[in-house]
């Protein structure tokens, strides 16, 4: 009897210890230098923008190195293989080409996000999607259970791509590297037709972290950013959704940080050090003093630059000391003229409020728009100016604007299409 009582008591102690440990998950205070925050996967897009891209279908006669099973009542079958993780593909190309970039790649991703000994095959590293016809109607099938057999999955008719309806999101299983091994995971995808009736694809889930910091509750969201908006987190974007009773219903460009950039929790700043490959853990590291930090986040010292305009004259950030300066990225990506028209409207409306420099990445597109729209302003080409490229235009298709104050610090950053709303906050 005494032995039974002892065993029961021991079990209770172990259970209480486990519950106590569990209750301390995602509970932190300002004494923590490193926050290891557990996440959960949420269906939909949250407060983040959704992005989609075309599915690349091939004939079944070009089928890859593994067998697929097709339904008997679908004709004109083509298949698309959507990669879960791009890193094995990159690694293969770098290895074949004996690229000098290989050491940088391995330093960035090995072993926590990619294991050279545990490289998944295409069969393990893809979601398969079938398109075809049934009774003369265009249909598609997602291999939802990841068994490479389309005959046991739902047949769906073509519908317009919809980012607002959760009922259209498709659950799916897939394999992903978790830092030590490849494991089964699951999430949601969104598939529909674009304006040209071609099927487009989007990962339709994001990560949320609910945690306590100095007894204040926070909710943070994470997605993977451009250029690879997939299932892994090579370029994570992070934003605070709520802080105590303060809840956001939308995100500004300045609300979003990426790797090495900062979130403010209470009076402290933490930079995003890492998001695990499968997204289950976020690592934030405290920065003891950000007063002299250089970067394009709001409040930081604007990165210096020396460059040349398209006219050949020298430009330096020091030239604008004591003045407001707006660095305006324009791009012909997605629309040949829209950002250039915004540039014209913006500079005309606020021409006496600040100086401005336009930044493009395509001399041809810029030259055409200067001629067609009769733009006469100071521009630089990022590709010809490494300091601008590195600091103010890391993305070739960027349309982000950076407002620098007279003290040389970043006041705001925003997408060019939001110029009127944002700038009126600063220049009534």
Protein backbone atom coordinates (compact mmCIF):
# COMPACT_ATOMS: atom_id res chain seq x y z
CA UNK A 1 0.00 0.00 0.00
CA UNK A 2 2.82 2.39 0.97
CA UNK A 3 4.60 1.58 -2.28
CA UNK A 4 1.43 2.33 -4.30
CA UNK A 5 0.97 5.64 -2.47
CA UNK A 6 4.61 6.53 -3.15
CA UNK A 7 4.24 5.76 -6.87
CA UNK A 8 1.06 7.88 -7.11
CA UNK A 9 2.77 10.76 -5.31
CA UNK A 10 5.77 10.48 -7.61
CA UNK A 11 3.53 10.58 -10.69
CA UNK A 12 1.75 13.67 -9.33
CA UNK A 13 5.07 15.42 -8.71
CA UNK A 14 6.28 14.65 -12.23
CA UNK A 15 2.96 15.84 -13.71
CA UNK A 16 3.09 19.06 -11.70
CA UNK A 17 6.69 19.65 -12.79
CA UNK A 18 5.76 19.11 -16.44
CA UNK A 19 2.77 21.44 -16.14
CA UNK A 20 4.90 24.04 -14.42
CA UNK A 21 7.45 23.81 -17.22
CA UNK A 22 4.68 24.00 -19.80
CA UNK A 23 3.19 27.06 -18.14
CA UNK A 24 6.54 28.82 -18.50
CA UNK A 25 6.56 28.42 -22.28
CA UNK A 26 6.61 31.84 -23.94
CA UNK A 27 6.79 33.70 -20.60
CA UNK A 28 9.68 36.17 -20.47
CA UNK A 29 10.85 39.35 -18.78
CA UNK A 30 13.33 42.12 -19.53
CA UNK A 31 16.14 40.17 -17.84
CA UNK A 32 16.14 37.73 -20.77
CA UNK A 33 18.89 38.41 -23.30
CA UNK A 34 17.51 35.75 -25.66
CA UNK A 35 13.85 34.89 -26.24
CA UNK A 36 13.13 31.44 -27.67
CA UNK A 37 9.48 31.73 -28.66
CA UNK A 38 7.34 28.78 -29.70
CA UNK A 39 4.96 29.41 -32.59
CA UNK A 40 1.72 28.01 -33.93
CA UNK A 41 0.63 27.77 -37.56
CA UNK A 42 -2.48 29.75 -38.50
CA UNK A 43 -4.70 29.28 -41.54
CA UNK A 44 -4.86 32.30 -43.86
CA UNK A 45 -2.63 35.36 -44.27
CA UNK A 46 -3.20 37.30 -41.05
CA UNK A 47 -2.25 40.96 -41.45
CA UNK A 48 0.34 40.19 -44.12
CA UNK A 49 -0.15 40.72 -47.84
CA UNK A 50 -0.70 37.61 -49.93
CA UNK A 51 1.43 36.81 -52.97
CA UNK A 52 0.78 34.25 -55.66
CA UNK A 53 2.78 32.93 -58.61
CA UNK A 54 2.07 30.82 -61.66
CA UNK A 55 2.12 27.05 -61.44
CA UNK A 56 4.53 25.47 -63.92
CA UNK A 57 2.75 22.44 -65.42
CA UNK A 58 4.51 19.83 -67.55
CA UNK A 59 3.22 16.91 -69.63
CA UNK A 60 3.10 13.57 -67.88
CA UNK A 61 5.46 12.15 -70.49
CA UNK A 62 8.08 14.42 -68.90
CA UNK A 63 7.26 12.96 -65.49
CA UNK A 64 9.98 13.19 -62.87
CA UNK A 65 11.87 10.31 -61.31
CA UNK A 66 8.99 8.90 -59.26
CA UNK A 67 5.63 7.36 -60.14
CA UNK A 68 2.31 9.17 -59.79
CA UNK A 69 -1.13 7.56 -59.82
CA UNK A 70 -3.79 9.39 -61.83
CA UNK A 71 -7.61 9.27 -61.65
CA UNK A 72 -9.31 7.46 -64.53
CA UNK A 73 -11.95 10.11 -65.23
CA UNK A 74 -9.61 13.07 -65.94
CA UNK A 75 -8.04 13.74 -69.34
CA UNK A 76 -5.39 16.14 -70.73
CA UNK A 77 -3.36 15.65 -67.57
CA UNK A 78 -0.40 17.88 -66.70
CA UNK A 79 1.49 18.02 -63.41
CA UNK A 80 3.20 20.77 -61.40
CA UNK A 81 5.79 20.03 -58.68
CA UNK A 82 5.84 22.77 -56.04
CA UNK A 83 9.04 22.70 -53.99
CA UNK A 84 8.71 22.76 -50.22
CA UNK A 85 12.32 23.80 -49.61
CA UNK A 86 14.43 25.59 -52.23
CA UNK A 87 17.75 25.03 -50.46
CA UNK A 88 18.36 21.49 -51.81
CA UNK A 89 17.78 22.90 -55.34
CA UNK A 90 20.20 25.78 -54.69
CA UNK A 91 22.79 23.44 -53.23
CA UNK A 92 22.62 21.14 -56.27
CA UNK A 93 23.15 24.06 -58.66
CA UNK A 94 26.02 25.50 -56.61
CA UNK A 95 27.70 22.11 -56.46
CA UNK A 96 27.35 21.45 -60.20
CA UNK A 97 28.64 24.89 -61.09
CA UNK A 98 31.42 24.78 -58.46
CA UNK A 99 30.23 28.19 -57.36
CA UNK A 100 32.30 30.51 -55.16
CA UNK A 101 29.05 31.24 -53.29
CA UNK A 102 29.00 27.74 -51.75
CA UNK A 103 30.84 28.70 -48.48
CA UNK A 104 28.40 31.58 -47.93
CA UNK A 105 25.43 29.30 -48.58
CA UNK A 106 26.65 26.70 -46.10
CA UNK A 107 27.49 29.33 -43.49
CA UNK A 108 23.94 30.68 -43.77
CA UNK A 109 22.00 27.41 -43.72
CA UNK A 110 24.11 24.45 -42.55
CA UNK A 111 23.23 22.54 -40.40
CA UNK A 112 20.16 24.17 -38.79
CA UNK A 113 18.25 24.77 -42.02
CA UNK A 114 19.91 22.38 -44.45
CA UNK A 115 21.82 19.11 -44.03
CA UNK A 116 24.16 18.10 -46.85
CA UNK A 117 23.98 14.45 -45.74
CA UNK A 118 20.19 14.44 -45.52
CA UNK A 119 19.19 15.97 -48.87
CA UNK A 120 15.56 15.22 -49.75
CA UNK A 121 14.61 13.85 -53.15
CA UNK A 122 12.09 15.66 -55.33
CA UNK A 123 9.50 13.12 -54.19
CA UNK A 124 10.09 14.11 -50.56
CA UNK A 125 10.47 17.81 -51.31
CA UNK A 126 7.39 18.65 -53.38
CA UNK A 127 3.64 19.01 -53.40
CA UNK A 128 2.20 17.59 -56.61
CA UNK A 129 -0.69 19.35 -58.38
CA UNK A 130 -2.56 17.96 -61.38
CA UNK A 131 -4.52 19.91 -63.98
CA UNK A 132 -6.78 18.40 -66.61
CA UNK A 133 -10.31 18.16 -67.93
CA UNK A 134 -13.37 16.33 -66.65
CA UNK A 135 -16.53 16.34 -68.78
CA UNK A 136 -15.01 19.21 -70.80
CA UNK A 137 -14.44 21.37 -67.72
CA UNK A 138 -11.04 22.52 -66.43
CA UNK A 139 -10.19 20.85 -63.11
CA UNK A 140 -7.22 20.46 -60.80
CA UNK A 141 -6.25 18.09 -57.99
CA UNK A 142 -3.83 18.61 -55.10
CA UNK A 143 -2.10 15.57 -53.64
CA UNK A 144 -3.36 16.61 -50.19
CA UNK A 145 -2.18 13.56 -48.26
CA UNK A 146 1.21 13.52 -50.02
CA UNK A 147 1.04 9.88 -51.14
CA UNK A 148 1.68 10.71 -54.83
CA UNK A 149 -1.77 9.25 -55.66
CA UNK A 150 -4.30 11.69 -57.19
CA UNK A 151 -7.10 9.12 -57.27
CA UNK A 152 -7.95 9.60 -53.56
CA UNK A 153 -7.98 13.43 -53.57
CA UNK A 154 -10.74 15.93 -54.25
CA UNK A 155 -11.28 17.10 -57.84
CA UNK A 156 -11.75 20.88 -57.92
CA UNK A 157 -13.03 23.10 -60.75
CA UNK A 158 -11.18 26.24 -61.75
CA UNK A 159 -12.20 29.27 -59.66
CA UNK A 160 -10.77 32.78 -59.41
CA UNK A 161 -7.95 33.17 -56.90
CA UNK A 162 -9.49 34.46 -53.67
CA UNK A 163 -7.53 35.76 -50.68
CA UNK A 164 -10.62 36.52 -48.58
CA UNK A 165 -12.38 33.16 -48.36
CA UNK A 166 -10.89 30.64 -45.96
CA UNK A 167 -13.26 27.97 -47.25
CA UNK A 168 -11.26 27.80 -50.50
CA UNK A 169 -7.96 27.05 -48.78
CA UNK A 170 -6.65 23.53 -49.33
CA UNK A 171 -5.11 21.51 -46.47
CA UNK A 172 -2.03 19.52 -47.40
CA UNK A 173 0.70 17.38 -45.88
CA UNK A 174 4.35 17.77 -46.78
CA UNK A 175 7.86 16.86 -45.60
CA UNK A 176 10.20 19.46 -44.13
CA UNK A 177 13.61 19.57 -42.44
CA UNK A 178 13.21 20.46 -38.75
CA UNK A 179 16.88 21.10 -37.97
CA UNK A 180 17.83 17.49 -37.39
CA UNK A 181 15.72 15.36 -39.72
CA UNK A 182 12.99 15.48 -42.36
CA UNK A 183 9.57 15.14 -40.75
CA UNK A 184 5.95 15.25 -41.85
CA UNK A 185 4.19 18.58 -41.43
CA UNK A 186 0.97 20.15 -42.71
CA UNK A 187 -0.48 23.50 -43.67
CA UNK A 188 -2.71 25.22 -46.21
CA UNK A 189 -2.32 26.39 -49.79
CA UNK A 190 -4.48 28.56 -52.03
CA UNK A 191 -4.93 27.84 -55.74
CA UNK A 192 -7.08 29.70 -58.25
CA UNK A 193 -6.99 31.40 -61.62
CA UNK A 194 -5.51 34.79 -62.43
CA UNK A 195 -6.81 37.32 -64.96
CA UNK A 196 -5.57 35.16 -67.83
CA UNK A 197 -7.28 32.04 -66.38
CA UNK A 198 -3.98 30.39 -65.51
CA UNK A 199 -3.67 28.60 -62.18
CA UNK A 200 -1.67 30.44 -59.53
CA UNK A 201 -0.41 29.17 -56.18
CA UNK A 202 0.06 30.65 -52.73
CA UNK A 203 1.13 29.33 -49.33
CA UNK A 204 -1.90 30.22 -47.21
CA UNK A 205 -0.68 30.02 -43.64
CA UNK A 206 1.49 32.10 -41.33
CA UNK A 207 3.01 31.77 -37.87
CA UNK A 208 1.81 33.38 -34.68
CA UNK A 209 3.60 33.71 -31.34
CA UNK A 210 1.59 34.51 -28.23
CA UNK A 211 3.85 35.37 -25.31
CA UNK A 212 4.18 37.39 -22.15
CA UNK A 213 6.96 39.93 -21.68
CA UNK A 214 7.15 41.76 -18.35
CA UNK A 215 3.55 40.62 -17.75
CA UNK A 216 2.34 42.27 -20.96
CA UNK A 217 0.80 40.01 -23.59
CA UNK A 218 2.10 40.18 -27.16
CA UNK A 219 1.04 38.58 -30.42
CA UNK A 220 3.59 38.42 -33.22
CA UNK A 221 3.13 37.19 -36.80
CA UNK A 222 5.74 35.71 -39.17
CA UNK A 223 5.79 34.82 -42.87
CA UNK A 224 8.59 34.11 -45.30
CA UNK A 225 9.31 37.09 -47.53
CA UNK A 226 10.31 37.58 -51.14
CA UNK A 227 11.57 36.11 -53.33
CA UNK A 228 10.58 32.61 -52.15
CA UNK A 229 7.18 32.76 -50.45
CA UNK A 230 7.10 29.09 -49.57
CA UNK A 231 7.12 26.83 -46.54
CA UNK A 232 10.58 27.51 -45.07
CA UNK A 233 11.97 30.68 -43.50
CA UNK A 234 15.11 31.81 -45.35
CA UNK A 235 13.89 35.44 -45.41
CA UNK A 236 11.41 35.77 -42.52
CA UNK A 237 9.27 38.85 -42.04
CA UNK A 238 8.07 39.56 -38.50
CA UNK A 239 5.63 42.09 -37.07
CA UNK A 240 3.88 42.80 -33.76
CA UNK A 241 0.13 42.26 -34.20
CA UNK A 242 -0.86 43.28 -30.68
CA UNK A 243 0.69 44.64 -27.48
CA UNK A 244 -1.54 44.39 -24.44
CA UNK A 245 -4.86 45.99 -25.36
CA UNK A 246 -3.40 47.65 -28.46
CA UNK A 247 -4.31 45.56 -31.52
CA UNK A 248 -3.44 46.36 -35.13
CA UNK A 249 -5.92 45.83 -37.94
CA UNK A 250 -3.30 46.41 -40.67
CA UNK A 251 0.48 46.62 -41.08
CA UNK A 252 2.53 49.51 -42.40
CA UNK A 253 5.83 48.85 -44.11
CA UNK A 254 7.64 50.26 -41.06
CA UNK A 255 5.91 47.70 -38.79
CA UNK A 256 7.67 44.77 -40.50
CA UNK A 257 11.21 43.61 -39.70
CA UNK A 258 13.39 40.90 -41.17
CA UNK A 259 16.49 39.01 -40.03
CA UNK A 260 18.87 41.30 -38.11
CA UNK A 261 16.22 43.99 -37.69
CA UNK A 262 14.49 44.97 -34.48
CA UNK A 263 11.24 44.70 -32.56
CA UNK A 264 10.59 46.94 -29.57
CA UNK A 265 9.24 45.08 -26.53
CA UNK A 266 8.51 47.54 -23.74
CA UNK A 267 11.62 49.71 -23.47
CA UNK A 268 13.92 47.09 -24.98
CA UNK A 269 14.93 46.23 -28.53
CA UNK A 270 15.34 42.65 -29.74
CA UNK A 271 16.64 41.74 -33.16
CA UNK A 272 15.32 38.79 -35.15
CA UNK A 273 18.18 36.29 -35.01
CA UNK A 274 16.45 33.29 -36.55
CA UNK A 275 13.27 31.46 -37.44
CA UNK A 276 13.72 27.69 -37.57
CA UNK A 277 13.43 26.08 -41.00
CA UNK A 278 9.96 24.70 -40.26
CA UNK A 279 8.94 27.78 -38.30
CA UNK A 280 8.34 26.19 -34.89
CA UNK A 281 10.78 28.43 -33.03
CA UNK A 282 11.64 32.13 -33.25
CA UNK A 283 14.83 33.52 -31.69
CA UNK A 284 14.99 37.17 -30.60
CA UNK A 285 18.19 38.61 -29.08
CA UNK A 286 18.35 41.76 -26.96
CA UNK A 287 20.39 44.74 -28.11
CA UNK A 288 21.58 46.69 -25.07
CA UNK A 289 21.93 50.03 -26.88
CA UNK A 290 20.41 51.01 -30.23
CA UNK A 291 21.11 54.74 -30.01
CA UNK A 292 23.96 54.49 -32.53
CA UNK A 293 22.49 51.72 -34.67
CA UNK A 294 22.66 52.25 -38.43
CA UNK A 295 19.80 50.90 -40.53
CA UNK A 296 16.62 51.66 -42.43
CA UNK A 297 14.28 51.01 -39.51
CA UNK A 298 12.43 53.96 -38.00
CA UNK A 299 14.59 55.80 -35.45
CA UNK A 300 17.90 54.39 -36.64
CA UNK A 301 20.75 56.39 -38.22
CA UNK A 302 20.28 56.36 -42.00
CA UNK A 303 23.03 54.39 -43.78
CA UNK A 304 25.53 56.66 -45.47
CA UNK A 305 26.11 56.55 -49.22
CA UNK A 306 28.21 58.07 -51.96
CA UNK A 307 26.92 57.51 -55.47
CA UNK A 308 26.46 58.96 -58.93
CA UNK A 309 23.25 60.12 -60.55
CA UNK A 310 22.27 59.14 -64.08
CA UNK A 311 23.61 62.55 -65.11
CA UNK A 312 27.02 61.66 -63.67
CA UNK A 313 27.11 64.05 -60.71
CA UNK A 314 28.17 62.86 -57.25
CA UNK A 315 25.58 62.48 -54.49
CA UNK A 316 26.22 61.89 -50.79
CA UNK A 317 23.91 61.65 -47.79
CA UNK A 318 26.06 64.36 -46.20
CA UNK A 319 24.83 66.77 -48.90
CA UNK A 320 21.42 66.74 -47.19
CA UNK A 321 22.51 67.28 -43.60
CA UNK A 322 19.97 69.47 -41.80
CA UNK A 323 17.30 68.77 -44.46
CA UNK A 324 14.53 66.28 -45.02
CA UNK A 325 15.40 63.75 -47.73
CA UNK A 326 13.12 61.18 -49.30
CA UNK A 327 14.72 58.23 -51.11
CA UNK A 328 12.09 56.91 -53.53
CA UNK A 329 12.36 53.48 -55.13
CA UNK A 330 10.53 53.04 -58.43
CA UNK A 331 10.24 49.92 -60.55
CA UNK A 332 8.74 48.65 -63.78
CA UNK A 333 8.10 45.25 -62.14
CA UNK A 334 4.42 44.26 -62.35
CA UNK A 335 3.46 47.67 -63.82
CA UNK A 336 5.53 49.69 -66.27
CA UNK A 337 4.39 53.15 -65.19
CA UNK A 338 2.38 53.12 -61.93
CA UNK A 339 5.25 53.78 -59.49
CA UNK A 340 6.68 56.45 -61.80
CA UNK A 341 3.32 58.25 -61.85
CA UNK A 342 3.27 58.06 -58.05
CA UNK A 343 6.77 59.56 -58.05
CA UNK A 344 5.53 62.49 -60.15
CA UNK A 345 2.46 63.11 -57.97
CA UNK A 346 4.45 62.79 -54.76
CA UNK A 347 7.24 65.16 -55.77
CA UNK A 348 4.80 67.71 -57.16
CA UNK A 349 2.64 67.69 -54.03
CA UNK A 350 5.53 67.95 -51.55
CA UNK A 351 8.16 69.68 -53.71
CA UNK A 352 8.84 72.40 -51.13
CA UNK A 353 8.89 70.10 -48.10
CA UNK A 354 11.97 67.97 -48.72
CA UNK A 355 14.66 66.93 -51.18
CA UNK A 356 14.29 63.62 -52.98
CA UNK A 357 16.29 61.08 -54.91
CA UNK A 358 14.71 58.48 -57.18
CA UNK A 359 16.21 54.98 -57.26
CA UNK A 360 15.65 52.46 -60.06
CA UNK A 361 17.26 49.18 -61.03
CA UNK A 362 16.55 49.29 -64.77
CA UNK A 363 18.16 52.10 -66.79
CA UNK A 364 16.00 51.22 -69.80
CA UNK A 365 12.70 51.38 -67.89
CA UNK A 366 13.78 54.59 -66.21
CA UNK A 367 14.88 56.20 -69.46
CA UNK A 368 11.58 55.29 -71.15
CA UNK A 369 9.50 56.69 -68.31
CA UNK A 370 11.54 59.88 -68.07
CA UNK A 371 10.90 60.43 -71.78
CA UNK A 372 7.23 59.36 -71.90
CA UNK A 373 6.12 61.00 -68.65
CA UNK A 374 8.47 63.98 -68.96
CA UNK A 375 10.07 63.38 -65.54
CA UNK A 376 12.93 65.72 -64.69
CA UNK A 377 14.36 64.72 -61.33
CA UNK A 378 17.52 63.32 -59.78
CA UNK A 379 17.80 59.53 -60.18
CA UNK A 380 20.40 56.88 -59.43
CA UNK A 381 20.65 53.32 -60.75
CA UNK A 382 21.09 50.89 -57.85
CA UNK A 383 23.01 48.36 -59.94
CA UNK A 384 25.67 51.01 -60.62
CA UNK A 385 25.89 52.15 -56.99
CA UNK A 386 26.74 49.31 -54.54
CA UNK A 387 26.17 51.43 -51.42
CA UNK A 388 22.62 52.24 -52.52
CA UNK A 389 22.01 48.66 -53.58
CA UNK A 390 23.11 47.24 -50.24
CA UNK A 391 21.23 49.66 -48.00
CA UNK A 392 18.23 51.15 -49.75
CA UNK A 393 17.37 48.69 -52.51
CA UNK A 394 18.21 45.06 -51.69
CA UNK A 395 15.17 43.95 -53.72
CA UNK A 396 15.41 44.60 -57.47
CA UNK A 397 11.65 45.29 -57.66
CA UNK A 398 11.49 47.53 -54.58
CA UNK A 399 9.00 50.40 -54.36
CA UNK A 400 9.86 51.37 -50.80
CA UNK A 401 10.49 54.98 -49.77
CA UNK A 402 12.75 56.07 -46.91
CA UNK A 403 12.22 59.43 -45.22
CA UNK A 404 15.40 60.77 -43.56
CA UNK A 405 15.14 63.61 -41.06
CA UNK A 406 17.44 66.63 -40.62
CA UNK A 407 19.24 64.73 -37.85
CA UNK A 408 20.13 61.94 -40.26
CA UNK A 409 17.75 59.38 -38.77
CA UNK A 410 15.02 57.39 -40.52
CA UNK A 411 11.63 58.96 -39.81
CA UNK A 412 9.50 56.51 -41.81
CA UNK A 413 9.58 53.91 -44.57
CA UNK A 414 6.60 52.99 -46.72
CA UNK A 415 5.49 51.66 -50.08
CA UNK A 416 5.28 54.35 -52.74
CA UNK A 417 1.54 53.77 -53.30
CA UNK A 418 0.92 54.86 -49.68
CA UNK A 419 2.79 58.13 -50.11
CA UNK A 420 -0.14 60.50 -49.64
CA UNK A 421 -1.41 58.97 -46.39
CA UNK A 422 2.03 58.55 -44.83
CA UNK A 423 3.56 61.88 -45.78
CA UNK A 424 0.54 63.87 -44.61
CA UNK A 425 1.29 62.54 -41.12
CA UNK A 426 4.67 64.29 -41.23
CA UNK A 427 3.95 67.32 -43.46
CA UNK A 428 0.51 68.78 -42.94
